[in-house]
């Protein structure tokens, strides 16, 4: 009788342990396995995110997202990577300021045509 109660509990414990070992339910869905050593052109990048142990990944990386939605992993200690991150932060900050100001009246482009008055 005790075996009938113990067997389902042991089975449930085993399933939970296996699921935890496989990482089911973890937030780490797409981690960088290595960092790129090549320079990343600023014109290709639109944003970045940070990855590390706090996000469930083993490798600390800066994940740059290109304009074509490709991911490029880079070392956060690389000075060129840090500069690129600063440039992107400045761009985002400036974009937010521009949105608060509102659209500028016909900035750039050709001027608005004047209507002719009939005489």
N, C-alpha and C. Protein backbone atom coordinates (compact mmCIF):
# COMPACT_ATOMS: atom_id res chain seq x y z
N UNK A 1 0.82 -1.19 0.00
CA UNK A 1 0.00 0.00 0.00
C UNK A 1 0.87 1.26 0.00
N UNK A 2 1.91 1.27 0.81
CA UNK A 2 2.81 2.42 0.87
C UNK A 2 3.55 2.59 -0.44
N UNK A 3 3.80 1.48 -1.12
CA UNK A 3 4.50 1.53 -2.41
C UNK A 3 3.66 2.25 -3.46
N UNK A 4 2.35 2.09 -3.42
CA UNK A 4 1.46 2.76 -4.37
C UNK A 4 1.50 4.28 -4.18
N UNK A 5 1.67 4.77 -2.98
CA UNK A 5 1.77 6.20 -2.72
C UNK A 5 3.16 6.72 -3.03
N UNK A 6 4.16 5.93 -2.74
CA UNK A 6 5.54 6.37 -2.91
C UNK A 6 5.95 6.41 -4.38
N UNK A 7 5.50 5.48 -5.17
CA UNK A 7 5.88 5.40 -6.59
C UNK A 7 5.50 6.66 -7.38
N UNK A 8 4.26 7.17 -7.30
CA UNK A 8 3.94 8.41 -8.04
C UNK A 8 4.75 9.61 -7.56
N UNK A 9 5.02 9.68 -6.25
CA UNK A 9 5.82 10.79 -5.74
C UNK A 9 7.25 10.73 -6.27
N UNK A 10 7.82 9.56 -6.31
CA UNK A 10 9.18 9.40 -6.85
C UNK A 10 9.21 9.73 -8.34
N UNK A 11 8.19 9.31 -9.05
CA UNK A 11 8.11 9.60 -10.48
C UNK A 11 8.01 11.11 -10.72
N UNK A 12 7.19 11.79 -9.94
CA UNK A 12 7.05 13.24 -10.06
C UNK A 12 8.36 13.95 -9.73
N UNK A 13 9.05 13.52 -8.70
CA UNK A 13 10.34 14.12 -8.32
C UNK A 13 11.36 13.92 -9.43
N UNK A 14 11.38 12.75 -10.04
CA UNK A 14 12.33 12.47 -11.12
C UNK A 14 12.05 13.36 -12.33
N UNK A 15 10.78 13.55 -12.66
CA UNK A 15 10.42 14.40 -13.80
C UNK A 15 10.83 15.84 -13.55
N UNK A 16 10.61 16.34 -12.33
CA UNK A 16 10.99 17.70 -11.99
C UNK A 16 12.50 17.89 -12.06
N UNK A 17 13.26 16.92 -11.59
CA UNK A 17 14.72 17.02 -11.64
C UNK A 17 15.24 17.01 -13.08
N UNK A 18 14.66 16.19 -13.90
CA UNK A 18 15.08 16.12 -15.31
C UNK A 18 14.74 17.42 -16.03
N UNK A 19 13.55 17.94 -15.79
CA UNK A 19 13.14 19.20 -16.42
C UNK A 19 14.05 20.34 -16.00
N UNK A 20 14.43 20.38 -14.73
CA UNK A 20 15.31 21.44 -14.25
C UNK A 20 16.70 21.30 -14.86
N UNK A 21 17.19 20.09 -14.99
CA UNK A 21 18.52 19.87 -15.57
C UNK A 21 18.56 20.25 -17.04
N UNK A 22 17.47 20.07 -17.75
CA UNK A 22 17.42 20.41 -19.17
C UNK A 22 17.15 21.88 -19.39
N UNK A 23 16.82 22.62 -18.36
CA UNK A 23 16.59 24.05 -18.50
C UNK A 23 15.21 24.42 -18.99
N UNK A 24 14.25 23.52 -18.86
CA UNK A 24 12.89 23.83 -19.28
C UNK A 24 12.34 24.92 -18.37
N UNK A 25 11.79 25.95 -18.98
CA UNK A 25 11.24 27.04 -18.20
C UNK A 25 12.24 28.14 -17.88
N UNK A 26 13.47 27.98 -18.32
CA UNK A 26 14.45 29.04 -18.04
C UNK A 26 14.26 30.16 -19.05
N UNK A 27 14.71 31.36 -18.68
CA UNK A 27 14.52 32.52 -19.54
C UNK A 27 15.60 32.62 -20.61
N UNK A 28 16.64 31.81 -20.53
CA UNK A 28 17.74 31.87 -21.50
C UNK A 28 17.32 31.14 -22.77
N UNK A 29 16.88 31.87 -23.75
CA UNK A 29 16.41 31.23 -24.97
C UNK A 29 17.47 31.25 -26.07
N UNK A 30 18.29 32.30 -26.10
CA UNK A 30 19.25 32.44 -27.20
C UNK A 30 20.50 33.12 -26.67
N UNK A 31 21.49 32.34 -26.29
CA UNK A 31 22.72 32.87 -25.72
C UNK A 31 23.87 32.82 -26.72
N UNK A 32 24.75 33.81 -26.64
CA UNK A 32 25.97 33.80 -27.45
C UNK A 32 26.92 32.74 -26.90
N UNK A 33 27.53 32.00 -27.79
CA UNK A 33 28.51 30.99 -27.38
C UNK A 33 29.93 31.49 -27.53
N UNK A 34 30.13 32.48 -28.40
CA UNK A 34 31.43 33.13 -28.54
C UNK A 34 31.23 34.54 -29.04
N UNK A 35 32.25 35.38 -28.81
CA UNK A 35 32.19 36.78 -29.22
C UNK A 35 32.96 36.98 -30.51
N UNK A 36 32.45 37.86 -31.36
CA UNK A 36 33.09 38.18 -32.62
C UNK A 36 34.36 39.00 -32.36
N UNK A 37 35.38 38.77 -33.14
CA UNK A 37 36.64 39.50 -33.01
C UNK A 37 36.76 40.61 -34.04
N UNK A 38 35.87 40.66 -35.01
CA UNK A 38 35.95 41.67 -36.07
C UNK A 38 35.25 42.95 -35.65
N UNK A 39 35.65 44.05 -36.24
CA UNK A 39 35.04 45.36 -35.94
C UNK A 39 33.62 45.39 -36.50
N UNK A 40 32.74 46.01 -35.77
CA UNK A 40 31.33 46.08 -36.17
C UNK A 40 31.06 47.49 -36.68
N UNK A 41 30.67 47.65 -37.95
CA UNK A 41 30.38 48.98 -38.49
C UNK A 41 29.17 49.61 -37.81
N UNK A 42 29.32 50.87 -37.41
CA UNK A 42 28.26 51.58 -36.71
C UNK A 42 27.02 51.74 -37.58
N UNK A 43 27.21 51.84 -38.88
CA UNK A 43 26.08 52.06 -39.78
C UNK A 43 25.15 50.85 -39.88
N UNK A 44 25.62 49.67 -39.48
CA UNK A 44 24.79 48.47 -39.58
C UNK A 44 23.94 48.23 -38.34
N UNK A 45 24.31 48.83 -37.21
CA UNK A 45 23.71 48.49 -35.92
C UNK A 45 22.59 49.46 -35.57
N UNK A 46 21.47 48.90 -35.04
CA UNK A 46 20.37 49.76 -34.61
C UNK A 46 20.15 49.73 -33.10
N UNK A 47 20.57 48.64 -32.42
CA UNK A 47 20.39 48.56 -30.97
C UNK A 47 21.31 47.47 -30.41
N UNK A 48 21.28 47.35 -29.08
CA UNK A 48 22.05 46.29 -28.43
C UNK A 48 21.38 45.88 -27.13
N UNK A 49 21.73 44.68 -26.66
CA UNK A 49 21.31 44.20 -25.35
C UNK A 49 22.53 43.57 -24.68
N UNK A 50 22.46 43.41 -23.37
CA UNK A 50 23.53 42.77 -22.62
C UNK A 50 23.10 41.38 -22.22
N UNK A 51 24.05 40.45 -22.23
CA UNK A 51 23.77 39.10 -21.80
C UNK A 51 24.82 38.68 -20.79
N UNK A 52 24.44 37.85 -19.86
CA UNK A 52 25.36 37.36 -18.85
C UNK A 52 24.65 36.39 -17.94
N UNK A 53 25.27 36.05 -16.81
CA UNK A 53 24.66 35.10 -15.88
C UNK A 53 23.28 35.56 -15.36
N UNK A 54 23.10 36.87 -15.24
CA UNK A 54 21.80 37.37 -14.76
C UNK A 54 20.69 37.11 -15.76
N UNK A 55 21.03 36.90 -17.02
CA UNK A 55 20.02 36.59 -18.04
C UNK A 55 20.01 35.10 -18.38
N UNK A 56 20.76 34.31 -17.62
CA UNK A 56 20.75 32.86 -17.81
C UNK A 56 21.79 32.36 -18.81
N UNK A 57 22.74 33.19 -19.22
CA UNK A 57 23.76 32.80 -20.18
C UNK A 57 25.13 32.72 -19.49
N UNK A 58 25.97 31.82 -19.94
CA UNK A 58 27.28 31.66 -19.32
C UNK A 58 28.26 32.76 -19.73
N UNK A 59 28.21 33.17 -20.99
CA UNK A 59 29.17 34.13 -21.54
C UNK A 59 28.62 35.56 -21.43
N UNK A 60 29.44 36.46 -20.90
CA UNK A 60 29.07 37.89 -20.88
C UNK A 60 29.32 38.44 -22.28
N UNK A 61 28.29 39.05 -22.86
CA UNK A 61 28.40 39.59 -24.21
C UNK A 61 27.50 40.79 -24.38
N UNK A 62 27.86 41.59 -25.38
CA UNK A 62 26.98 42.64 -25.87
C UNK A 62 26.42 42.10 -27.18
N UNK A 63 25.10 42.02 -27.27
CA UNK A 63 24.45 41.48 -28.47
C UNK A 63 23.93 42.66 -29.27
N UNK A 64 24.60 42.95 -30.38
CA UNK A 64 24.17 44.04 -31.26
C UNK A 64 23.14 43.50 -32.23
N UNK A 65 22.09 44.28 -32.46
CA UNK A 65 21.04 43.94 -33.43
C UNK A 65 21.24 44.84 -34.63
N UNK A 66 21.41 44.24 -35.80
CA UNK A 66 21.63 45.02 -37.01
C UNK A 66 20.29 45.49 -37.58
N UNK A 67 20.37 46.35 -38.58
CA UNK A 67 19.16 46.86 -39.22
C UNK A 67 18.40 45.76 -39.95
N UNK A 68 19.08 44.65 -40.25
CA UNK A 68 18.44 43.50 -40.89
C UNK A 68 18.07 42.44 -39.85
N UNK A 69 18.03 42.84 -38.56
CA UNK A 69 17.67 41.97 -37.43
C UNK A 69 18.58 40.76 -37.27
N UNK A 70 19.84 40.91 -37.59
CA UNK A 70 20.85 39.88 -37.32
C UNK A 70 21.47 40.19 -35.97
N UNK A 71 21.98 39.17 -35.29
CA UNK A 71 22.62 39.36 -34.00
C UNK A 71 24.12 39.16 -34.13
N UNK A 72 24.87 40.09 -33.52
CA UNK A 72 26.33 40.00 -33.50
C UNK A 72 26.76 40.08 -32.04
N UNK A 73 27.48 39.09 -31.57
CA UNK A 73 27.95 39.05 -30.19
C UNK A 73 29.35 39.66 -30.12
N UNK A 74 29.57 40.49 -29.11
CA UNK A 74 30.87 41.15 -28.95
C UNK A 74 31.24 41.20 -27.48
N UNK A 75 32.53 41.34 -27.22
CA UNK A 75 33.03 41.39 -25.85
C UNK A 75 32.73 42.75 -25.22
N UNK A 76 32.15 42.76 -24.02
CA UNK A 76 31.84 44.04 -23.36
C UNK A 76 33.08 44.79 -22.87
N UNK A 77 34.24 44.14 -22.85
CA UNK A 77 35.46 44.81 -22.40
C UNK A 77 36.23 45.46 -23.55
N UNK A 78 35.84 45.21 -24.78
CA UNK A 78 36.51 45.78 -25.94
C UNK A 78 36.19 47.28 -26.03
N UNK A 79 37.22 48.15 -26.10
CA UNK A 79 36.98 49.59 -26.16
C UNK A 79 36.12 50.03 -27.36
N UNK A 80 36.29 49.37 -28.51
CA UNK A 80 35.49 49.73 -29.68
C UNK A 80 34.01 49.39 -29.45
N UNK A 81 33.76 48.31 -28.76
CA UNK A 81 32.39 47.89 -28.45
C UNK A 81 31.76 48.89 -27.47
N UNK A 82 32.53 49.31 -26.47
CA UNK A 82 32.03 50.29 -25.50
C UNK A 82 31.70 51.62 -26.18
N UNK A 83 32.54 52.03 -27.13
CA UNK A 83 32.29 53.28 -27.84
C UNK A 83 31.02 53.17 -28.69
N UNK A 84 30.85 52.03 -29.35
CA UNK A 84 29.65 51.81 -30.16
C UNK A 84 28.39 51.83 -29.29
N UNK A 85 28.47 51.25 -28.10
CA UNK A 85 27.35 51.27 -27.16
C UNK A 85 27.02 52.71 -26.75
N UNK A 86 28.07 53.51 -26.47
CA UNK A 86 27.85 54.91 -26.09
C UNK A 86 27.19 55.69 -27.22
N UNK A 87 27.64 55.46 -28.45
CA UNK A 87 27.04 56.15 -29.60
C UNK A 87 25.57 55.78 -29.77
N UNK A 88 25.25 54.51 -29.58
CA UNK A 88 23.84 54.09 -29.69
C UNK A 88 23.01 54.70 -28.56
N UNK A 89 23.58 54.77 -27.35
CA UNK A 89 22.86 55.39 -26.23
C UNK A 89 22.58 56.86 -26.51
N UNK A 90 23.57 57.58 -27.07
CA UNK A 90 23.38 58.99 -27.40
C UNK A 90 22.29 59.15 -28.47
N UNK A 91 22.30 58.28 -29.45
CA UNK A 91 21.30 58.34 -30.53
C UNK A 91 19.90 58.14 -29.97
N UNK A 92 19.74 57.18 -29.08
CA UNK A 92 18.43 56.92 -28.47
C UNK A 92 17.99 58.12 -27.64
N UNK A 93 18.94 58.70 -26.90
CA UNK A 93 18.62 59.86 -26.06
C UNK A 93 18.18 61.04 -26.92
N UNK A 94 18.89 61.28 -28.03
CA UNK A 94 18.53 62.37 -28.94
C UNK A 94 17.19 62.13 -29.62
N UNK A 95 16.92 60.87 -29.98
CA UNK A 95 15.64 60.54 -30.60
C UNK A 95 14.49 60.81 -29.64
N UNK A 96 14.69 60.53 -28.35
CA UNK A 96 13.64 60.79 -27.36
C UNK A 96 13.40 62.28 -27.20
N UNK A 97 14.48 63.07 -27.22
CA UNK A 97 14.33 64.52 -27.12
C UNK A 97 13.55 65.06 -28.31
N UNK A 98 13.87 64.56 -29.50
CA UNK A 98 13.18 65.03 -30.71
C UNK A 98 11.69 64.68 -30.66
N UNK A 99 11.34 63.53 -30.12
CA UNK A 99 9.93 63.14 -30.03
C UNK A 99 9.18 64.04 -29.06
N UNK A 100 9.86 64.46 -27.98
CA UNK A 100 9.20 65.33 -27.00
C UNK A 100 8.94 66.71 -27.59
N UNK A 101 9.84 67.18 -28.43
CA UNK A 101 9.68 68.51 -29.05
C UNK A 101 8.56 68.53 -30.07
N UNK A 102 8.31 67.41 -30.67
CA UNK A 102 7.28 67.35 -31.71
C UNK A 102 7.91 67.52 -33.07
N UNK A 103 7.12 67.34 -34.11
CA UNK A 103 7.68 67.45 -35.47
C UNK A 103 8.05 68.89 -35.80
N UNK A 104 9.16 69.04 -36.48
CA UNK A 104 9.59 70.39 -36.88
C UNK A 104 8.80 70.80 -38.13
N UNK A 105 8.46 72.07 -38.24
CA UNK A 105 7.64 72.51 -39.37
C UNK A 105 8.43 72.48 -40.68
N UNK A 106 8.14 71.51 -41.51
CA UNK A 106 8.73 71.37 -42.84
C UNK A 106 10.25 71.51 -42.85
N UNK A 107 10.92 70.83 -41.95
CA UNK A 107 12.38 70.90 -41.96
C UNK A 107 12.91 70.03 -43.09
N UNK A 108 13.86 70.54 -43.82
CA UNK A 108 14.44 69.80 -44.93
C UNK A 108 13.50 69.72 -46.11
N UNK A 109 13.95 69.17 -47.17
CA UNK A 109 13.12 69.04 -48.36
C UNK A 109 12.89 70.37 -49.04
N UNK A 110 11.99 70.38 -49.97
CA UNK A 110 11.73 71.62 -50.70
C UNK A 110 10.64 72.43 -50.00
N UNK A 111 10.64 73.73 -50.20
CA UNK A 111 9.66 74.58 -49.53
C UNK A 111 8.27 74.35 -50.12
N UNK A 112 7.28 74.70 -49.33
CA UNK A 112 5.89 74.57 -49.74
C UNK A 112 5.58 75.57 -50.85
N UNK A 113 4.81 75.13 -51.87
CA UNK A 113 4.46 76.03 -52.99
C UNK A 113 3.46 77.07 -52.54
N UNK A 114 3.65 78.26 -53.04
CA UNK A 114 2.72 79.34 -52.76
C UNK A 114 1.57 79.27 -53.76
N UNK A 115 0.37 79.56 -53.30
CA UNK A 115 -0.77 79.61 -54.21
C UNK A 115 -0.73 80.93 -54.98
N UNK A 116 -1.06 80.84 -56.27
CA UNK A 116 -1.10 82.06 -57.08
C UNK A 116 -2.42 82.79 -56.84
N UNK A 117 -2.31 84.07 -56.74
CA UNK A 117 -3.54 84.86 -56.57
C UNK A 117 -4.03 85.31 -57.93
N UNK A 118 -5.32 85.25 -58.13
CA UNK A 118 -5.89 85.68 -59.41
C UNK A 118 -6.06 87.20 -59.38
N UNK A 119 -5.71 87.81 -60.48
CA UNK A 119 -5.81 89.26 -60.59
C UNK A 119 -6.99 89.67 -61.41
